[in-house]
Amino acid sequence: MTYVTYFLKADNDRGNSLSYAPTNQPSAHESKVDTQNEAAELDLQRLEAAHAEIQRLAIEIAEAEAQKLAAEEIEVQRYTQEAAEIAQAEKLAKESA
């Protein structure tokens, strides 16, 4: 990357003038901006990783909840079947008595 450095040049004939020259060295401000950009990029990467982890955990929790609900539904069906069988047995007992 080529940086441009501006500097004031004292010219005895014309007074002070603003000059610039290409250089391979960044100015202090450009270095600070580069450092801030690198830090922001690292922060973004950390946020993206955290977001992915949160999504993974949310899916894991949702799957566990779905399994729990399915198990509860099976248990409810079993109790309903048992209650129906008991009611049928009581009905037959009353009819035969």
PDB file of N, CA and C in Angstrom:
ATOM      1  N   MET A   1       0.849  -1.165   0.000  1.00  0.00           N
ATOM      2  CA  MET A   1       0.000   0.000   0.000  1.00  0.00           C
ATOM      3  C   MET A   1       0.895   1.229   0.000  1.00  0.00           C
ATOM      4  N   THR A   2       0.525   2.187  -0.788  1.00  0.00           N
ATOM      5  CA  THR A   2       1.285   3.432  -0.838  1.00  0.00           C
ATOM      6  C   THR A   2       0.520   4.491  -0.069  1.00  0.00           C
ATOM      7  N   TYR A   3       1.194   5.146   0.806  1.00  0.00           N
ATOM      8  CA  TYR A   3       0.606   6.212   1.602  1.00  0.00           C
ATOM      9  C   TYR A   3       1.068   7.543   1.044  1.00  0.00           C
ATOM     10  N   VAL A   4       0.313   8.562   1.317  1.00  0.00           N
ATOM     11  CA  VAL A   4       0.701   9.910   0.914  1.00  0.00           C
ATOM     12  C   VAL A   4       0.891  10.720   2.178  1.00  0.00           C
ATOM     13  N   THR A   5       2.037  11.335   2.303  1.00  0.00           N
ATOM     14  CA  THR A   5       2.326  12.169   3.459  1.00  0.00           C
ATOM     15  C   THR A   5       2.327  13.622   3.023  1.00  0.00           C
ATOM     16  N   TYR A   6       1.547  14.419   3.712  1.00  0.00           N
ATOM     17  CA  TYR A   6       1.501  15.856   3.434  1.00  0.00           C
ATOM     18  C   TYR A   6       2.398  16.572   4.434  1.00  0.00           C
ATOM     19  N   PHE A   7       3.059  17.584   3.989  1.00  0.00           N
ATOM     20  CA  PHE A   7       3.886  18.362   4.904  1.00  0.00           C
ATOM     21  C   PHE A   7       3.970  19.794   4.411  1.00  0.00           C
ATOM     22  N   LEU A   8       4.202  20.697   5.356  1.00  0.00           N
ATOM     23  CA  LEU A   8       4.390  22.103   5.011  1.00  0.00           C
ATOM     24  C   LEU A   8       5.841  22.315   4.629  1.00  0.00           C
ATOM     25  N   LYS A   9       6.024  22.992   3.553  1.00  0.00           N
ATOM     26  CA  LYS A   9       7.380  23.249   3.070  1.00  0.00           C
ATOM     27  C   LYS A   9       7.594  24.763   3.094  1.00  0.00           C
ATOM     28  N   ALA A  10       8.626  25.161   3.768  1.00  0.00           N
ATOM     29  CA  ALA A  10       8.945  26.591   3.802  1.00  0.00           C
ATOM     30  C   ALA A  10       9.683  26.950   2.527  1.00  0.00           C
ATOM     31  N   ASP A  11       9.122  27.867   1.797  1.00  0.00           N
ATOM     32  CA  ASP A  11       9.737  28.324   0.547  1.00  0.00           C
ATOM     33  C   ASP A  11      10.040  29.806   0.716  1.00  0.00           C
ATOM     34  N   ASN A  12      11.325  30.144   0.693  1.00  0.00           N
ATOM     35  CA  ASN A  12      11.726  31.528   0.952  1.00  0.00           C
ATOM     36  C   ASN A  12      11.152  32.494  -0.065  1.00  0.00           C
ATOM     37  N   ASP A  13      10.954  32.048  -1.295  1.00  0.00           N
ATOM     38  CA  ASP A  13      10.468  32.966  -2.318  1.00  0.00           C
ATOM     39  C   ASP A  13       8.952  33.155  -2.253  1.00  0.00           C
ATOM     40  N   ARG A  14       8.207  32.069  -1.990  1.00  0.00           N
ATOM     41  CA  ARG A  14       6.741  32.144  -2.048  1.00  0.00           C
ATOM     42  C   ARG A  14       6.068  32.000  -0.688  1.00  0.00           C
ATOM     43  N   GLY A  15       6.758  31.828   0.337  1.00  0.00           N
ATOM     44  CA  GLY A  15       6.156  31.587   1.644  1.00  0.00           C
ATOM     45  C   GLY A  15       5.952  30.094   1.847  1.00  0.00           C
ATOM     46  N   ASN A  16       5.115  29.744   2.791  1.00  0.00           N
ATOM     47  CA  ASN A  16       4.858  28.330   3.077  1.00  0.00           C
ATOM     48  C   ASN A  16       3.926  27.739   2.030  1.00  0.00           C
ATOM     49  N   SER A  17       4.135  26.480   1.696  1.00  0.00           N
ATOM     50  CA  SER A  17       3.256  25.787   0.760  1.00  0.00           C
ATOM     51  C   SER A  17       3.050  24.357   1.243  1.00  0.00           C
ATOM     52  N   LEU A  18       1.906  23.805   0.859  1.00  0.00           N
ATOM     53  CA  LEU A  18       1.589  22.431   1.231  1.00  0.00           C
ATOM     54  C   LEU A  18       2.090  21.513   0.131  1.00  0.00           C
ATOM     55  N   SER A  19       2.903  20.547   0.506  1.00  0.00           N
ATOM     56  CA  SER A  19       3.442  19.601  -0.462  1.00  0.00           C
ATOM     57  C   SER A  19       3.084  18.194  -0.008  1.00  0.00           C
ATOM     58  N   TYR A  20       3.221  17.256  -0.907  1.00  0.00           N
ATOM     59  CA  TYR A  20       2.990  15.869  -0.547  1.00  0.00           C
ATOM     60  C   TYR A  20       3.971  14.994  -1.305  1.00  0.00           C
ATOM     61  N   ALA A  21       4.165  13.806  -0.750  1.00  0.00           N
ATOM     62  CA  ALA A  21       5.077  12.863  -1.391  1.00  0.00           C
ATOM     63  C   ALA A  21       4.602  11.456  -1.080  1.00  0.00           C
ATOM     64  N   PRO A  22       4.638  10.559  -2.062  1.00  0.00           N
ATOM     65  CA  PRO A  22       4.279   9.164  -1.781  1.00  0.00           C
ATOM     66  C   PRO A  22       5.347   8.521  -0.910  1.00  0.00           C
ATOM     67  N   THR A  23       4.911   7.663  -0.026  1.00  0.00           N
ATOM     68  CA  THR A  23       5.849   6.974   0.854  1.00  0.00           C
ATOM     69  C   THR A  23       5.280   5.598   1.181  1.00  0.00           C
ATOM     70  N   ASN A  24       6.123   4.726   1.638  1.00  0.00           N
ATOM     71  CA  ASN A  24       5.678   3.397   2.061  1.00  0.00           C
ATOM     72  C   ASN A  24       5.360   3.363   3.549  1.00  0.00           C
ATOM     73  N   GLN A  25       5.585   4.450   4.237  1.00  0.00           N
ATOM     74  CA  GLN A  25       5.346   4.520   5.670  1.00  0.00           C
ATOM     75  C   GLN A  25       4.014   5.217   5.938  1.00  0.00           C
ATOM     76  N   PRO A  26       3.136   4.595   6.695  1.00  0.00           N
ATOM     77  CA  PRO A  26       1.867   5.245   7.008  1.00  0.00           C
ATOM     78  C   PRO A  26       2.080   6.374   8.020  1.00  0.00           C
ATOM     79  N   SER A  27       1.203   7.336   7.964  1.00  0.00           N
ATOM     80  CA  SER A  27       1.254   8.397   8.969  1.00  0.00           C
ATOM     81  C   SER A  27       0.762   7.826  10.291  1.00  0.00           C
ATOM     82  N   ALA A  28       0.924   8.568  11.360  1.00  0.00           N
ATOM     83  CA  ALA A  28       0.461   8.113  12.673  1.00  0.00           C
ATOM     84  C   ALA A  28      -1.052   7.898  12.645  1.00  0.00           C
ATOM     85  N   HIS A  29      -1.765   8.795  11.990  1.00  0.00           N
ATOM     86  CA  HIS A  29      -3.225   8.660  11.899  1.00  0.00           C
ATOM     87  C   HIS A  29      -3.602   7.414  11.098  1.00  0.00           C
ATOM     88  N   GLU A  30      -2.927   7.196   9.974  1.00  0.00           N
ATOM     89  CA  GLU A  30      -3.226   6.015   9.157  1.00  0.00           C
ATOM     90  C   GLU A  30      -2.913   4.735   9.920  1.00  0.00           C
ATOM     91  N   SER A  31      -1.831   4.737  10.684  1.00  0.00           N
ATOM     92  CA  SER A  31      -1.490   3.564  11.496  1.00  0.00           C
ATOM     93  C   SER A  31      -2.572   3.303  12.532  1.00  0.00           C
ATOM     94  N   LYS A  32      -3.053   4.382  13.152  1.00  0.00           N
ATOM     95  CA  LYS A  32      -4.107   4.243  14.157  1.00  0.00           C
ATOM     96  C   LYS A  32      -5.383   3.699  13.517  1.00  0.00           C
ATOM     97  N   VAL A  33      -5.732   4.210  12.351  1.00  0.00           N
ATOM     98  CA  VAL A  33      -6.926   3.739  11.646  1.00  0.00           C
ATOM     99  C   VAL A  33      -6.764   2.273  11.261  1.00  0.00           C
ATOM    100  N   ASP A  34      -5.581   1.895  10.767  1.00  0.00           N
ATOM    101  CA  ASP A  34      -5.330   0.493  10.417  1.00  0.00           C
ATOM    102  C   ASP A  34      -5.496  -0.397  11.643  1.00  0.00           C
ATOM    103  N   THR A  35      -4.953   0.038  12.780  1.00  0.00           N
ATOM    104  CA  THR A  35      -5.061  -0.734  14.017  1.00  0.00           C
ATOM    105  C   THR A  35      -6.521  -0.854  14.446  1.00  0.00           C
ATOM    106  N   GLN A  36      -7.258   0.240  14.336  1.00  0.00           N
ATOM    107  CA  GLN A  36      -8.678   0.210  14.695  1.00  0.00           C
ATOM    108  C   GLN A  36      -9.452  -0.714  13.753  1.00  0.00           C
ATOM    109  N   ASN A  37      -9.122  -0.684  12.479  1.00  0.00           N
ATOM    110  CA  ASN A  37      -9.790  -1.564  11.512  1.00  0.00           C
ATOM    111  C   ASN A  37      -9.507  -3.027  11.823  1.00  0.00           C
ATOM    112  N   GLU A  38      -8.251  -3.332  12.171  1.00  0.00           N
ATOM    113  CA  GLU A  38      -7.893  -4.709  12.517  1.00  0.00           C
ATOM    114  C   GLU A  38      -8.645  -5.151  13.768  1.00  0.00           C
ATOM    115  N   ALA A  39      -8.727  -4.273  14.763  1.00  0.00           N
ATOM    116  CA  ALA A  39      -9.451  -4.600  15.995  1.00  0.00           C
ATOM    117  C   ALA A  39     -10.936  -4.801  15.698  1.00  0.00           C
ATOM    118  N   ALA A  40     -11.492  -3.957  14.849  1.00  0.00           N
ATOM    119  CA  ALA A  40     -12.904  -4.095  14.482  1.00  0.00           C
ATOM    120  C   ALA A  40     -13.143  -5.405  13.738  1.00  0.00           C
ATOM    121  N   GLU A  41     -12.215  -5.779  12.878  1.00  0.00           N
ATOM    122  CA  GLU A  41     -12.338  -7.042  12.138  1.00  0.00           C
ATOM    123  C   GLU A  41     -12.303  -8.228  13.100  1.00  0.00           C
ATOM    124  N   LEU A  42     -11.407  -8.185  14.091  1.00  0.00           N
ATOM    125  CA  LEU A  42     -11.350  -9.257  15.091  1.00  0.00           C
ATOM    126  C   LEU A  42     -12.639  -9.297  15.910  1.00  0.00           C
ATOM    127  N   ASP A  43     -13.145  -8.123  16.288  1.00  0.00           N
ATOM    128  CA  ASP A  43     -14.415  -8.069  17.023  1.00  0.00           C
ATOM    129  C   ASP A  43     -15.540  -8.676  16.193  1.00  0.00           C
ATOM    130  N   LEU A  44     -15.569  -8.347  14.914  1.00  0.00           N
ATOM    131  CA  LEU A  44     -16.596  -8.889  14.024  1.00  0.00           C
ATOM    132  C   LEU A  44     -16.488 -10.411  13.937  1.00  0.00           C
ATOM    133  N   GLN A  45     -15.271 -10.914  13.824  1.00  0.00           N
ATOM    134  CA  GLN A  45     -15.081 -12.367  13.761  1.00  0.00           C
ATOM    135  C   GLN A  45     -15.560 -13.026  15.053  1.00  0.00           C
ATOM    136  N   ARG A  46     -15.249 -12.401  16.196  1.00  0.00           N
ATOM    137  CA  ARG A  46     -15.706 -12.952  17.480  1.00  0.00           C
ATOM    138  C   ARG A  46     -17.232 -12.926  17.569  1.00  0.00           C
ATOM    139  N   LEU A  47     -17.842 -11.837  17.110  1.00  0.00           N
ATOM    140  CA  LEU A  47     -19.300 -11.745  17.128  1.00  0.00           C
ATOM    141  C   LEU A  47     -19.934 -12.795  16.224  1.00  0.00           C
ATOM    142  N   GLU A  48     -19.345 -13.004  15.056  1.00  0.00           N
ATOM    143  CA  GLU A  48     -19.876 -14.017  14.142  1.00  0.00           C
ATOM    144  C   GLU A  48     -19.754 -15.406  14.751  1.00  0.00           C
ATOM    145  N   ALA A  49     -18.637 -15.678  15.426  1.00  0.00           N
ATOM    146  CA  ALA A  49     -18.453 -16.977  16.079  1.00  0.00           C
ATOM    147  C   ALA A  49     -19.457 -17.148  17.218  1.00  0.00           C
ATOM    148  N   ALA A  50     -19.665 -16.089  17.993  1.00  0.00           N
ATOM    149  CA  ALA A  50     -20.635 -16.149  19.089  1.00  0.00           C
ATOM    150  C   ALA A  50     -22.046 -16.350  18.539  1.00  0.00           C
ATOM    151  N   HIS A  51     -22.362 -15.678  17.454  1.00  0.00           N
ATOM    152  CA  HIS A  51     -23.686 -15.820  16.825  1.00  0.00           C
ATOM    153  C   HIS A  51     -23.893 -17.257  16.357  1.00  0.00           C
ATOM    154  N   ALA A  52     -22.880 -17.836  15.740  1.00  0.00           N
ATOM    155  CA  ALA A  52     -22.981 -19.225  15.275  1.00  0.00           C
ATOM    156  C   ALA A  52     -23.171 -20.175  16.459  1.00  0.00           C
ATOM    157  N   GLU A  53     -22.470 -19.916  17.560  1.00  0.00           N
ATOM    158  CA  GLU A  53     -22.603 -20.758  18.750  1.00  0.00           C
ATOM    159  C   GLU A  53     -24.007 -20.628  19.343  1.00  0.00           C
ATOM    160  N   ILE A  54     -24.534 -19.412  19.373  1.00  0.00           N
ATOM    161  CA  ILE A  54     -25.890 -19.196  19.883  1.00  0.00           C
ATOM    162  C   ILE A  54     -26.902 -19.929  19.013  1.00  0.00           C
ATOM    163  N   GLN A  55     -26.734 -19.852  17.706  1.00  0.00           N
ATOM    164  CA  GLN A  55     -27.647 -20.568  16.802  1.00  0.00           C
ATOM    165  C   GLN A  55     -27.562 -22.074  17.033  1.00  0.00           C
ATOM    166  N   ARG A  56     -26.356 -22.592  17.198  1.00  0.00           N
ATOM    167  CA  ARG A  56     -26.173 -24.026  17.428  1.00  0.00           C
ATOM    168  C   ARG A  56     -26.870 -24.446  18.718  1.00  0.00           C
ATOM    169  N   LEU A  57     -26.681 -23.642  19.774  1.00  0.00           N
ATOM    170  CA  LEU A  57     -27.313 -23.957  21.053  1.00  0.00           C
ATOM    171  C   LEU A  57     -28.835 -23.849  20.971  1.00  0.00           C
ATOM    172  N   ALA A  58     -29.333 -22.868  20.242  1.00  0.00           N
ATOM    173  CA  ALA A  58     -30.782 -22.717  20.082  1.00  0.00           C
ATOM    174  C   ALA A  58     -31.372 -23.933  19.383  1.00  0.00           C
ATOM    175  N   ILE A  59     -30.687 -24.421  18.362  1.00  0.00           N
ATOM    176  CA  ILE A  59     -31.150 -25.619  17.651  1.00  0.00           C
ATOM    177  C   ILE A  59     -31.105 -26.826  18.575  1.00  0.00           C
ATOM    178  N   GLU A  60     -30.031 -26.943  19.343  1.00  0.00           N
ATOM    179  CA  GLU A  60     -29.889 -28.063  20.275  1.00  0.00           C
ATOM    180  C   GLU A  60     -31.014 -28.043  21.316  1.00  0.00           C
ATOM    181  N   ILE A  61     -31.312 -26.864  21.840  1.00  0.00           N
ATOM    182  CA  ILE A  61     -32.388 -26.727  22.830  1.00  0.00           C
ATOM    183  C   ILE A  61     -33.737 -27.059  22.200  1.00  0.00           C
ATOM    184  N   ALA A  62     -33.976 -26.560  20.998  1.00  0.00           N
ATOM    185  CA  ALA A  62     -35.245 -26.831  20.314  1.00  0.00           C
ATOM    186  C   ALA A  62     -35.420 -28.323  20.057  1.00  0.00           C
ATOM    187  N   GLU A  63     -34.346 -28.992  19.650  1.00  0.00           N
ATOM    188  CA  GLU A  63     -34.424 -30.434  19.412  1.00  0.00           C
ATOM    189  C   GLU A  63     -34.700 -31.182  20.712  1.00  0.00           C
ATOM    190  N   ALA A  64     -34.064 -30.775  21.798  1.00  0.00           N
ATOM    191  CA  ALA A  64     -34.295 -31.422  23.092  1.00  0.00           C
ATOM    192  C   ALA A  64     -35.739 -31.213  23.548  1.00  0.00           C
ATOM    193  N   GLU A  65     -36.256 -29.997  23.354  1.00  0.00           N
ATOM    194  CA  GLU A  65     -37.651 -29.717  23.707  1.00  0.00           C
ATOM    195  C   GLU A  65     -38.606 -30.559  22.866  1.00  0.00           C
ATOM    196  N   ALA A  66     -38.307 -30.696  21.586  1.00  0.00           N
ATOM    197  CA  ALA A  66     -39.156 -31.499  20.702  1.00  0.00           C
ATOM    198  C   ALA A  66     -39.165 -32.956  21.155  1.00  0.00           C
ATOM    199  N   GLN A  67     -38.002 -33.485  21.534  1.00  0.00           N
ATOM    200  CA  GLN A  67     -37.930 -34.859  22.019  1.00  0.00           C
ATOM    201  C   GLN A  67     -38.714 -35.014  23.321  1.00  0.00           C
ATOM    202  N   LYS A  68     -38.592 -34.016  24.197  1.00  0.00           N
ATOM    203  CA  LYS A  68     -39.315 -34.058  25.471  1.00  0.00           C
ATOM    204  C   LYS A  68     -40.823 -34.047  25.226  1.00  0.00           C
ATOM    205  N   LEU A  69     -41.279 -33.169  24.329  1.00  0.00           N
ATOM    206  CA  LEU A  69     -42.708 -33.109  24.019  1.00  0.00           C
ATOM    207  C   LEU A  69     -43.198 -34.402  23.380  1.00  0.00           C
ATOM    208  N   ALA A  70     -42.383 -34.992  22.519  1.00  0.00           N
ATOM    209  CA  ALA A  70     -42.768 -36.259  21.889  1.00  0.00           C
ATOM    210  C   ALA A  70     -42.893 -37.356  22.941  1.00  0.00           C
ATOM    211  N   ALA A  71     -41.972 -37.394  23.895  1.00  0.00           N
ATOM    212  CA  ALA A  71     -42.036 -38.393  24.963  1.00  0.00           C
ATOM    213  C   ALA A  71     -43.278 -38.172  25.826  1.00  0.00           C
ATOM    214  N   GLU A  72     -43.591 -36.912  26.123  1.00  0.00           N
ATOM    215  CA  GLU A  72     -44.791 -36.613  26.906  1.00  0.00           C
ATOM    216  C   GLU A  72     -46.054 -37.010  26.145  1.00  0.00           C
ATOM    217  N   GLU A  73     -46.068 -36.785  24.843  1.00  0.00           N
ATOM    218  CA  GLU A  73     -47.224 -37.163  24.020  1.00  0.00           C
ATOM    219  C   GLU A  73     -47.420 -38.681  24.039  1.00  0.00           C
ATOM    220  N   ILE A  74     -46.331 -39.421  23.953  1.00  0.00           N
ATOM    221  CA  ILE A  74     -46.415 -40.888  24.013  1.00  0.00           C
ATOM    222  C   ILE A  74     -46.961 -41.324  25.365  1.00  0.00           C
ATOM    223  N   GLU A  75     -46.512 -40.659  26.436  1.00  0.00           N
ATOM    224  CA  GLU A  75     -46.991 -40.994  27.776  1.00  0.00           C
ATOM    225  C   GLU A  75     -48.487 -40.685  27.914  1.00  0.00           C
ATOM    226  N   VAL A  76     -48.923 -39.559  27.380  1.00  0.00           N
ATOM    227  CA  VAL A  76     -50.349 -39.201  27.415  1.00  0.00           C
ATOM    228  C   VAL A  76     -51.167 -40.233  26.645  1.00  0.00           C
ATOM    229  N   GLN A  77     -50.677 -40.655  25.486  1.00  0.00           N
ATOM    230  CA  GLN A  77     -51.388 -41.667  24.699  1.00  0.00           C
ATOM    231  C   GLN A  77     -51.486 -42.983  25.467  1.00  0.00           C
ATOM    232  N   ARG A  78     -50.400 -43.328  26.171  1.00  0.00           N
ATOM    233  CA  ARG A  78     -50.400 -44.574  26.946  1.00  0.00           C
ATOM    234  C   ARG A  78     -51.428 -44.495  28.071  1.00  0.00           C
ATOM    235  N   TYR A  79     -51.459 -43.372  28.806  1.00  0.00           N
ATOM    236  CA  TYR A  79     -52.438 -43.207  29.885  1.00  0.00           C
ATOM    237  C   TYR A  79     -53.863 -43.180  29.345  1.00  0.00           C
ATOM    238  N   THR A  80     -54.052 -42.563  28.196  1.00  0.00           N
ATOM    239  CA  THR A  80     -55.379 -42.525  27.573  1.00  0.00           C
ATOM    240  C   THR A  80     -55.824 -43.935  27.198  1.00  0.00           C
ATOM    241  N   GLN A  81     -54.905 -44.715  26.652  1.00  0.00           N
ATOM    242  CA  GLN A  81     -55.209 -46.104  26.284  1.00  0.00           C
ATOM    243  C   GLN A  81     -55.537 -46.925  27.526  1.00  0.00           C
ATOM    244  N   GLU A  82     -54.757 -46.753  28.590  1.00  0.00           N
ATOM    245  CA  GLU A  82     -55.024 -47.478  29.839  1.00  0.00           C
ATOM    246  C   GLU A  82     -56.384 -47.091  30.411  1.00  0.00           C
ATOM    247  N   ALA A  83     -56.705 -45.796  30.374  1.00  0.00           N
ATOM    248  CA  ALA A  83     -58.000 -45.335  30.893  1.00  0.00           C
ATOM    249  C   ALA A  83     -59.140 -45.926  30.068  1.00  0.00           C
ATOM    250  N   ALA A  84     -58.968 -45.998  28.759  1.00  0.00           N
ATOM    251  CA  ALA A  84     -59.999 -46.585  27.893  1.00  0.00           C
ATOM    252  C   ALA A  84     -60.168 -48.068  28.200  1.00  0.00           C
ATOM    253  N   GLU A  85     -59.056 -48.763  28.428  1.00  0.00           N
ATOM    254  CA  GLU A  85     -59.128 -50.190  28.751  1.00  0.00           C
ATOM    255  C   GLU A  85     -59.821 -50.412  30.091  1.00  0.00           C
ATOM    256  N   ILE A  86     -59.517 -49.550  31.080  1.00  0.00           N
ATOM    257  CA  ILE A  86     -60.162 -49.670  32.397  1.00  0.00           C
ATOM    258  C   ILE A  86     -61.659 -49.397  32.273  1.00  0.00           C
ATOM    259  N   ALA A  87     -62.013 -48.366  31.514  1.00  0.00           N
ATOM    260  CA  ALA A  87     -63.434 -48.040  31.319  1.00  0.00           C
ATOM    261  C   ALA A  87     -64.156 -49.186  30.625  1.00  0.00           C
ATOM    262  N   GLN A  88     -63.514 -49.798  29.640  1.00  0.00           N
ATOM    263  CA  GLN A  88     -64.111 -50.937  28.929  1.00  0.00           C
ATOM    264  C   GLN A  88     -64.281 -52.112  29.877  1.00  0.00           C
ATOM    265  N   ALA A  89     -63.281 -52.366  30.716  1.00  0.00           N
ATOM    266  CA  ALA A  89     -63.366 -53.479  31.669  1.00  0.00           C
ATOM    267  C   ALA A  89     -64.474 -53.226  32.682  1.00  0.00           C
ATOM    268  N   GLU A  90     -64.610 -51.989  33.163  1.00  0.00           N
ATOM    269  CA  GLU A  90     -65.679 -51.666  34.113  1.00  0.00           C
ATOM    270  C   GLU A  90     -67.054 -51.830  33.466  1.00  0.00           C
ATOM    271  N   LYS A  91     -67.165 -51.425  32.212  1.00  0.00           N
ATOM    272  CA  LYS A  91     -68.432 -51.555  31.486  1.00  0.00           C
ATOM    273  C   LYS A  91     -68.806 -53.031  31.339  1.00  0.00           C
ATOM    274  N   LEU A  92     -67.828 -53.864  30.971  1.00  0.00           N
ATOM    275  CA  LEU A  92     -68.082 -55.304  30.838  1.00  0.00           C
ATOM    276  C   LEU A  92     -68.444 -55.919  32.185  1.00  0.00           C
ATOM    277  N   ALA A  93     -67.799 -55.444  33.253  1.00  0.00           N
ATOM    278  CA  ALA A  93     -68.091 -55.980  34.590  1.00  0.00           C
ATOM    279  C   ALA A  93     -69.519 -55.636  34.999  1.00  0.00           C
ATOM    280  N   LYS A  94     -69.977 -54.425  34.687  1.00  0.00           N
ATOM    281  CA  LYS A  94     -71.345 -54.019  35.025  1.00  0.00           C
ATOM    282  C   LYS A  94     -72.362 -54.809  34.205  1.00  0.00           C
ATOM    283  N   GLU A  95     -72.051 -55.045  32.941  1.00  0.00           N
ATOM    284  CA  GLU A  95     -72.971 -55.779  32.069  1.00  0.00           C
ATOM    285  C   GLU A  95     -73.097 -57.241  32.492  1.00  0.00           C
ATOM    286  N   SER A  96     -72.008 -57.816  32.964  1.00  0.00           N
ATOM    287  CA  SER A  96     -72.045 -59.227  33.339  1.00  0.00           C
ATOM    288  C   SER A  96     -72.576 -59.433  34.754  1.00  0.00           C
ATOM    289  N   ALA A  97     -72.715 -58.380  35.509  1.00  0.00           N
ATOM    290  CA  ALA A  97     -73.184 -58.531  36.892  1.00  0.00           C
ATOM    291  C   ALA A  97     -74.673 -58.588  37.020  1.00  0.00           C
TER     292      ALA A  97
END
